[in-house]
Amino acid sequence: MAYDCGPLDRSIEETLAALRDGLAREYRLYRRPAHRRSPRRTRRLRRIGGWRRAADRLIFEAGRVARETLPRIERDTAHTFPGPDGLLRVLMDPSTKRLFFGLLAGFPEEALPVPAHDLARLGAFPDDARALALIGDVTLRLKVLSGPEAEVRDLAALSDRWDLHESLIGLLCRRRPAGETLLREKETLARAVLGLISVEGGADVRRRAVPLLVPGPAG
């Protein structure tokens, strides 16, 4: 079934909290003494418990991004985000798709803890991040640096400066990369954040990003 993937009904943190609370209610409905539970009911209970714990972890990680990562970027760029949702969207790791689309498959639509289109939108955020990374790359090459052939340097260092990879939401769901894979992921995250800033902040913020992309910005 296709779902409308427009804006969430609430903020990301509010949506995740509603998801966790709905799963907690569902867990209580299924919970019975073990000797009164069928094997099927026990498996369902364990699955709901796993989803609830995953939602709890995402709420914790989203809160950390809002408290720590977002202010770090704002200090460097003098750009005030309208809220944490844009950055949370960038930092939603692809591993979260398993949770959100698993919930869509695991409940009848009328019994979902949050609206189906919200779950579908959350599951699409990693793809949004890749689109923002493309915007960031094009913006840097054509509007900030010296042209389409300009070298964009130190994007991985910028990612480290802002702790972007360490701030990914859902990273514990998969194996940590290393080497070139890790480098590429860090560069993509930095490009996506710069794309988000370009969309929200315009030319002035883009110009302030330039000193962050030359050797030695962190001092």
C-alpha atoms as a PDB file:
ATOM      1  CA  MET A   1       0.000   0.000   0.000  1.00  0.00           C
ATOM      2  CA  ALA A   2       1.298   3.475  -0.881  1.00  0.00           C
ATOM      3  CA  TYR A   3       1.305   6.070   1.879  1.00  0.00           C
ATOM      4  CA  ASP A   4       1.275   9.840   1.753  1.00  0.00           C
ATOM      5  CA  CYS A   5       4.818  10.887   2.690  1.00  0.00           C
ATOM      6  CA  GLY A   6       4.144  14.560   3.404  1.00  0.00           C
ATOM      7  CA  PRO A   7       5.093  16.325   6.638  1.00  0.00           C
ATOM      8  CA  LEU A   8       4.696  14.585   9.974  1.00  0.00           C
ATOM      9  CA  ASP A   9       1.622  15.478  11.995  1.00  0.00           C
ATOM     10  CA  ARG A  10       3.935  16.405  14.913  1.00  0.00           C
ATOM     11  CA  SER A  11       7.623  16.983  15.480  1.00  0.00           C
ATOM     12  CA  ILE A  12       9.943  13.987  15.151  1.00  0.00           C
ATOM     13  CA  GLU A  13      10.513  13.778  18.903  1.00  0.00           C
ATOM     14  CA  GLU A  14       6.773  13.993  19.606  1.00  0.00           C
ATOM     15  CA  THR A  15       6.077  11.339  16.959  1.00  0.00           C
ATOM     16  CA  LEU A  16       8.677   8.995  18.452  1.00  0.00           C
ATOM     17  CA  ALA A  17       7.232   9.556  21.932  1.00  0.00           C
ATOM     18  CA  ALA A  18       3.724   8.759  20.666  1.00  0.00           C
ATOM     19  CA  LEU A  19       5.121   5.647  18.988  1.00  0.00           C
ATOM     20  CA  ARG A  20       6.779   4.478  22.199  1.00  0.00           C
ATOM     21  CA  ASP A  21       3.644   5.150  24.258  1.00  0.00           C
ATOM     22  CA  GLY A  22       1.441   3.311  21.773  1.00  0.00           C
ATOM     23  CA  LEU A  23       3.749   0.312  21.806  1.00  0.00           C
ATOM     24  CA  ALA A  24       3.768   0.350  25.611  1.00  0.00           C
ATOM     25  CA  ARG A  25      -0.045   0.201  25.614  1.00  0.00           C
ATOM     26  CA  GLU A  26       0.003  -2.646  23.117  1.00  0.00           C
ATOM     27  CA  TYR A  27       2.569  -4.480  25.232  1.00  0.00           C
ATOM     28  CA  ARG A  28       0.354  -4.218  28.314  1.00  0.00           C
ATOM     29  CA  LEU A  29      -2.593  -5.609  26.357  1.00  0.00           C
ATOM     30  CA  TYR A  30      -0.592  -8.667  25.317  1.00  0.00           C
ATOM     31  CA  ARG A  31       1.139  -9.219  28.628  1.00  0.00           C
ATOM     32  CA  ARG A  32      -0.156 -12.162  30.643  1.00  0.00           C
ATOM     33  CA  PRO A  33       1.484 -14.691  32.987  1.00  0.00           C
ATOM     34  CA  ALA A  34       3.739 -16.920  30.906  1.00  0.00           C
ATOM     35  CA  HIS A  35       1.704 -20.060  31.607  1.00  0.00           C
ATOM     36  CA  ARG A  36      -1.380 -18.388  30.118  1.00  0.00           C
ATOM     37  CA  ARG A  37       0.308 -17.244  26.918  1.00  0.00           C
ATOM     38  CA  SER A  38       0.342 -19.223  23.696  1.00  0.00           C
ATOM     39  CA  PRO A  39       3.678 -19.491  21.855  1.00  0.00           C
ATOM     40  CA  ARG A  40       2.290 -17.152  19.195  1.00  0.00           C
ATOM     41  CA  ARG A  41       1.290 -14.585  21.799  1.00  0.00           C
ATOM     42  CA  THR A  42       4.706 -14.866  23.458  1.00  0.00           C
ATOM     43  CA  ARG A  43       6.460 -14.221  20.149  1.00  0.00           C
ATOM     44  CA  ARG A  44       4.220 -11.220  19.513  1.00  0.00           C
ATOM     45  CA  LEU A  45       4.906  -9.856  22.986  1.00  0.00           C
ATOM     46  CA  ARG A  46       8.656 -10.135  22.474  1.00  0.00           C
ATOM     47  CA  ARG A  47       8.425  -8.405  19.127  1.00  0.00           C
ATOM     48  CA  ILE A  48       6.415  -5.507  20.536  1.00  0.00           C
ATOM     49  CA  GLY A  49       8.883  -5.243  23.433  1.00  0.00           C
ATOM     50  CA  GLY A  50      11.759  -5.024  20.960  1.00  0.00           C
ATOM     51  CA  TRP A  51      10.011  -2.284  18.990  1.00  0.00           C
ATOM     52  CA  ARG A  52       9.329  -0.364  22.210  1.00  0.00           C
ATOM     53  CA  ARG A  53      12.983  -0.563  23.283  1.00  0.00           C
ATOM     54  CA  ALA A  54      14.076   0.596  19.824  1.00  0.00           C
ATOM     55  CA  ALA A  55      11.739   3.591  20.046  1.00  0.00           C
ATOM     56  CA  ASP A  56      13.145   4.429  23.486  1.00  0.00           C
ATOM     57  CA  ARG A  57      16.667   4.401  22.054  1.00  0.00           C
ATOM     58  CA  LEU A  58      15.697   6.649  19.151  1.00  0.00           C
ATOM     59  CA  ILE A  59      14.093   9.140  21.550  1.00  0.00           C
ATOM     60  CA  PHE A  60      17.285   9.247  23.619  1.00  0.00           C
ATOM     61  CA  GLU A  61      19.471   9.731  20.541  1.00  0.00           C
ATOM     62  CA  ALA A  62      17.178  12.412  19.077  1.00  0.00           C
ATOM     63  CA  GLY A  63      17.314  14.299  22.370  1.00  0.00           C
ATOM     64  CA  ARG A  64      21.107  14.157  22.350  1.00  0.00           C
ATOM     65  CA  VAL A  65      21.189  15.628  18.825  1.00  0.00           C
ATOM     66  CA  ALA A  66      18.911  18.493  19.907  1.00  0.00           C
ATOM     67  CA  ARG A  67      20.951  19.201  23.063  1.00  0.00           C
ATOM     68  CA  GLU A  68      24.495  18.742  21.773  1.00  0.00           C
ATOM     69  CA  THR A  69      24.921  18.403  18.005  1.00  0.00           C
ATOM     70  CA  LEU A  70      22.585  21.142  16.833  1.00  0.00           C
ATOM     71  CA  PRO A  71      24.096  23.882  19.086  1.00  0.00           C
ATOM     72  CA  ARG A  72      27.584  22.879  17.915  1.00  0.00           C
ATOM     73  CA  ILE A  73      26.618  23.536  14.281  1.00  0.00           C
ATOM     74  CA  GLU A  74      24.795  26.747  15.152  1.00  0.00           C
ATOM     75  CA  ARG A  75      27.882  28.144  16.900  1.00  0.00           C
ATOM     76  CA  ASP A  76      30.054  27.502  13.852  1.00  0.00           C
ATOM     77  CA  THR A  77      27.667  28.793  11.204  1.00  0.00           C
ATOM     78  CA  ALA A  78      25.710  31.467  13.109  1.00  0.00           C
ATOM     79  CA  HIS A  79      22.625  29.821  11.630  1.00  0.00           C
ATOM     80  CA  THR A  80      19.714  29.282  13.998  1.00  0.00           C
ATOM     81  CA  PHE A  81      17.730  26.216  13.020  1.00  0.00           C
ATOM     82  CA  PRO A  82      13.944  26.643  13.300  1.00  0.00           C
ATOM     83  CA  GLY A  83      13.950  23.399  15.286  1.00  0.00           C
ATOM     84  CA  PRO A  84      15.802  20.097  15.450  1.00  0.00           C
ATOM     85  CA  ASP A  85      13.691  18.231  12.891  1.00  0.00           C
ATOM     86  CA  GLY A  86      15.813  19.098   9.847  1.00  0.00           C
ATOM     87  CA  LEU A  87      18.999  17.867  11.489  1.00  0.00           C
ATOM     88  CA  LEU A  88      17.237  14.810  12.913  1.00  0.00           C
ATOM     89  CA  ARG A  89      16.111  13.979   9.376  1.00  0.00           C
ATOM     90  CA  VAL A  90      19.704  14.190   8.134  1.00  0.00           C
ATOM     91  CA  LEU A  91      20.985  11.986  10.956  1.00  0.00           C
ATOM     92  CA  MET A  92      18.338   9.254  10.720  1.00  0.00           C
ATOM     93  CA  ASP A  93      20.413   6.195   9.907  1.00  0.00           C
ATOM     94  CA  PRO A  94      19.189   3.707   7.255  1.00  0.00           C
ATOM     95  CA  SER A  95      19.038   1.057   9.981  1.00  0.00           C
ATOM     96  CA  THR A  96      15.881   2.746  11.305  1.00  0.00           C
ATOM     97  CA  LYS A  97      13.976   1.670   8.212  1.00  0.00           C
ATOM     98  CA  ARG A  98      13.689  -1.827   9.655  1.00  0.00           C
ATOM     99  CA  LEU A  99      11.793  -0.480  12.671  1.00  0.00           C
ATOM    100  CA  PHE A 100       9.428   1.871  10.855  1.00  0.00           C
ATOM    101  CA  PHE A 101       8.576  -0.404   7.945  1.00  0.00           C
ATOM    102  CA  GLY A 102       8.444  -3.389  10.303  1.00  0.00           C
ATOM    103  CA  LEU A 103       5.751  -1.584  12.276  1.00  0.00           C
ATOM    104  CA  LEU A 104       3.834  -0.826   9.093  1.00  0.00           C
ATOM    105  CA  ALA A 105       3.910  -4.514   8.229  1.00  0.00           C
ATOM    106  CA  GLY A 106       3.303  -5.695  11.794  1.00  0.00           C
ATOM    107  CA  PHE A 107       0.011  -3.931  12.551  1.00  0.00           C
ATOM    108  CA  PRO A 108      -3.276  -3.412  10.729  1.00  0.00           C
ATOM    109  CA  GLU A 109      -3.366   0.225   9.687  1.00  0.00           C
ATOM    110  CA  GLU A 110      -6.168   1.066  12.113  1.00  0.00           C
ATOM    111  CA  ALA A 111      -4.148  -0.374  15.032  1.00  0.00           C
ATOM    112  CA  LEU A 112      -0.842   1.402  14.363  1.00  0.00           C
ATOM    113  CA  PRO A 113       0.593   3.366  17.322  1.00  0.00           C
ATOM    114  CA  VAL A 114       0.983   6.444  15.064  1.00  0.00           C
ATOM    115  CA  PRO A 115      -0.509   7.237  11.632  1.00  0.00           C
ATOM    116  CA  ALA A 116       0.791   5.083   8.803  1.00  0.00           C
ATOM    117  CA  HIS A 117       1.958   8.064   6.756  1.00  0.00           C
ATOM    118  CA  ASP A 118       4.113   9.221   9.704  1.00  0.00           C
ATOM    119  CA  LEU A 119       5.848   5.852   9.873  1.00  0.00           C
ATOM    120  CA  ALA A 120       6.376   5.896   6.103  1.00  0.00           C
ATOM    121  CA  ARG A 121       7.808   9.419   6.320  1.00  0.00           C
ATOM    122  CA  LEU A 122      10.193   8.424   9.117  1.00  0.00           C
ATOM    123  CA  GLY A 123      11.343   5.478   7.036  1.00  0.00           C
ATOM    124  CA  ALA A 124      12.070   7.803   4.102  1.00  0.00           C
ATOM    125  CA  PHE A 125      14.313  10.195   6.042  1.00  0.00           C
ATOM    126  CA  PRO A 126      17.610   8.445   5.126  1.00  0.00           C
ATOM    127  CA  ASP A 127      16.728   9.009   1.457  1.00  0.00           C
ATOM    128  CA  ASP A 128      15.986  12.664   2.242  1.00  0.00           C
ATOM    129  CA  ALA A 129      19.479  12.943   3.734  1.00  0.00           C
ATOM    130  CA  ARG A 130      21.029  11.721   0.487  1.00  0.00           C
ATOM    131  CA  ALA A 131      19.013  14.292  -1.449  1.00  0.00           C
ATOM    132  CA  LEU A 132      20.201  17.048   0.897  1.00  0.00           C
ATOM    133  CA  ALA A 133      23.782  15.827   0.443  1.00  0.00           C
ATOM    134  CA  LEU A 134      23.417  16.342  -3.305  1.00  0.00           C
ATOM    135  CA  ILE A 135      22.052  19.845  -2.715  1.00  0.00           C
ATOM    136  CA  GLY A 136      24.985  20.570  -0.403  1.00  0.00           C
ATOM    137  CA  ASP A 137      27.525  19.363  -2.939  1.00  0.00           C
ATOM    138  CA  VAL A 138      26.039  21.315  -5.840  1.00  0.00           C
ATOM    139  CA  THR A 139      25.692  24.431  -3.697  1.00  0.00           C
ATOM    140  CA  LEU A 140      29.307  24.294  -2.568  1.00  0.00           C
ATOM    141  CA  ARG A 141      30.679  23.789  -6.058  1.00  0.00           C
ATOM    142  CA  LEU A 142      28.508  26.279  -7.919  1.00  0.00           C
ATOM    143  CA  LYS A 143      27.626  28.970  -5.382  1.00  0.00           C
ATOM    144  CA  VAL A 144      30.257  28.959  -2.634  1.00  0.00           C
ATOM    145  CA  LEU A 145      33.597  27.863  -4.053  1.00  0.00           C
ATOM    146  CA  SER A 146      35.147  28.736  -7.404  1.00  0.00           C
ATOM    147  CA  GLY A 147      33.028  26.705  -9.828  1.00  0.00           C
ATOM    148  CA  PRO A 148      31.901  23.201 -10.735  1.00  0.00           C
ATOM    149  CA  GLU A 149      35.462  21.851 -10.723  1.00  0.00           C
ATOM    150  CA  ALA A 150      36.295  23.307  -7.298  1.00  0.00           C
ATOM    151  CA  GLU A 151      37.775  20.888  -4.805  1.00  0.00           C
ATOM    152  CA  VAL A 152      35.638  20.431  -1.712  1.00  0.00           C
ATOM    153  CA  ARG A 153      38.111  19.607   1.048  1.00  0.00           C
ATOM    154  CA  ASP A 154      37.933  18.436   4.622  1.00  0.00           C
ATOM    155  CA  LEU A 155      34.302  17.361   4.627  1.00  0.00           C
ATOM    156  CA  ALA A 156      35.155  14.370   6.818  1.00  0.00           C
ATOM    157  CA  ALA A 157      36.970  16.717   9.192  1.00  0.00           C
ATOM    158  CA  LEU A 158      33.889  18.936   9.292  1.00  0.00           C
ATOM    159  CA  SER A 159      31.795  15.880  10.114  1.00  0.00           C
ATOM    160  CA  ASP A 160      34.201  15.096  12.961  1.00  0.00           C
ATOM    161  CA  ARG A 161      34.105  18.684  14.183  1.00  0.00           C
ATOM    162  CA  TRP A 162      30.322  18.445  14.506  1.00  0.00           C
ATOM    163  CA  ASP A 163      30.334  14.779  15.662  1.00  0.00           C
ATOM    164  CA  LEU A 164      27.848  13.938  12.933  1.00  0.00           C
ATOM    165  CA  HIS A 165      28.657  10.263  12.547  1.00  0.00           C
ATOM    166  CA  GLU A 166      28.655   9.779  16.309  1.00  0.00           C
ATOM    167  CA  SER A 167      25.239  11.488  16.407  1.00  0.00           C
ATOM    168  CA  LEU A 168      23.550   9.147  13.934  1.00  0.00           C
ATOM    169  CA  ILE A 169      20.156   7.981  15.148  1.00  0.00           C
ATOM    170  CA  GLY A 170      19.896   4.190  15.012  1.00  0.00           C
ATOM    171  CA  LEU A 171      23.592   3.462  14.431  1.00  0.00           C
ATOM    172  CA  LEU A 172      23.595   0.711  17.073  1.00  0.00           C
ATOM    173  CA  CYS A 173      21.371  -1.340  14.764  1.00  0.00           C
ATOM    174  CA  ARG A 174      24.252  -2.152  12.437  1.00  0.00           C
ATOM    175  CA  ARG A 175      27.979  -2.792  12.263  1.00  0.00           C
ATOM    176  CA  ARG A 176      30.185   0.283  12.460  1.00  0.00           C
ATOM    177  CA  PRO A 177      32.033   0.921   9.189  1.00  0.00           C
ATOM    178  CA  ALA A 178      35.733   1.660   8.866  1.00  0.00           C
ATOM    179  CA  GLY A 179      38.252   2.920   6.316  1.00  0.00           C
ATOM    180  CA  GLU A 180      36.923   4.345   3.061  1.00  0.00           C
ATOM    181  CA  THR A 181      33.332   3.422   3.889  1.00  0.00           C
ATOM    182  CA  LEU A 182      33.457   5.446   7.100  1.00  0.00           C
ATOM    183  CA  LEU A 183      35.118   8.354   5.279  1.00  0.00           C
ATOM    184  CA  ARG A 184      32.420   8.408   2.591  1.00  0.00           C
ATOM    185  CA  GLU A 185      29.654   8.298   5.192  1.00  0.00           C
ATOM    186  CA  LYS A 186      31.172  11.219   7.089  1.00  0.00           C
ATOM    187  CA  GLU A 187      31.498  13.260   3.891  1.00  0.00           C
ATOM    188  CA  THR A 188      27.895  12.516   2.936  1.00  0.00           C
ATOM    189  CA  LEU A 189      26.672  13.643   6.358  1.00  0.00           C
ATOM    190  CA  ALA A 190      28.634  16.902   6.155  1.00  0.00           C
ATOM    191  CA  ARG A 191      27.268  17.565   2.668  1.00  0.00           C
ATOM    192  CA  ALA A 192      23.724  16.853   3.866  1.00  0.00           C
ATOM    193  CA  VAL A 193      24.029  19.281   6.783  1.00  0.00           C
ATOM    194  CA  LEU A 194      25.454  21.934   4.463  1.00  0.00           C
ATOM    195  CA  GLY A 195      22.567  21.250   2.076  1.00  0.00           C
ATOM    196  CA  LEU A 196      20.094  21.713   4.911  1.00  0.00           C
ATOM    197  CA  ILE A 197      21.767  24.954   5.963  1.00  0.00           C
ATOM    198  CA  SER A 198      21.719  26.194   2.362  1.00  0.00           C
ATOM    199  CA  VAL A 199      18.001  25.464   2.034  1.00  0.00           C
ATOM    200  CA  GLU A 200      17.172  27.121   5.353  1.00  0.00           C
ATOM    201  CA  GLY A 201      19.729  29.912   5.574  1.00  0.00           C
ATOM    202  CA  GLY A 202      20.574  31.061   2.066  1.00  0.00           C
ATOM    203  CA  ALA A 203      23.668  32.818   0.749  1.00  0.00           C
ATOM    204  CA  ASP A 204      24.925  34.388   3.978  1.00  0.00           C
ATOM    205  CA  VAL A 205      25.112  31.068   5.783  1.00  0.00           C
ATOM    206  CA  ARG A 206      26.728  29.441   2.746  1.00  0.00           C
ATOM    207  CA  ARG A 207      29.500  32.032   2.820  1.00  0.00           C
ATOM    208  CA  ARG A 208      30.105  31.440   6.520  1.00  0.00           C
ATOM    209  CA  ALA A 209      30.637  27.755   5.775  1.00  0.00           C
ATOM    210  CA  VAL A 210      33.672  28.380   3.569  1.00  0.00           C
ATOM    211  CA  PRO A 211      36.281  28.761   6.388  1.00  0.00           C
ATOM    212  CA  LEU A 212      35.146  25.387   7.744  1.00  0.00           C
ATOM    213  CA  LEU A 213      36.153  23.679   4.520  1.00  0.00           C
ATOM    214  CA  VAL A 214      39.829  24.676   4.381  1.00  0.00           C
ATOM    215  CA  PRO A 215      42.684  22.950   6.244  1.00  0.00           C
ATOM    216  CA  GLY A 216      42.895  23.649   9.932  1.00  0.00           C
ATOM    217  CA  PRO A 217      39.456  25.136  10.733  1.00  0.00           C
ATOM    218  CA  ALA A 218      39.182  23.384  14.060  1.00  0.00           C
ATOM    219  CA  GLY A 219      42.441  24.778  15.283  1.00  0.00           C
END
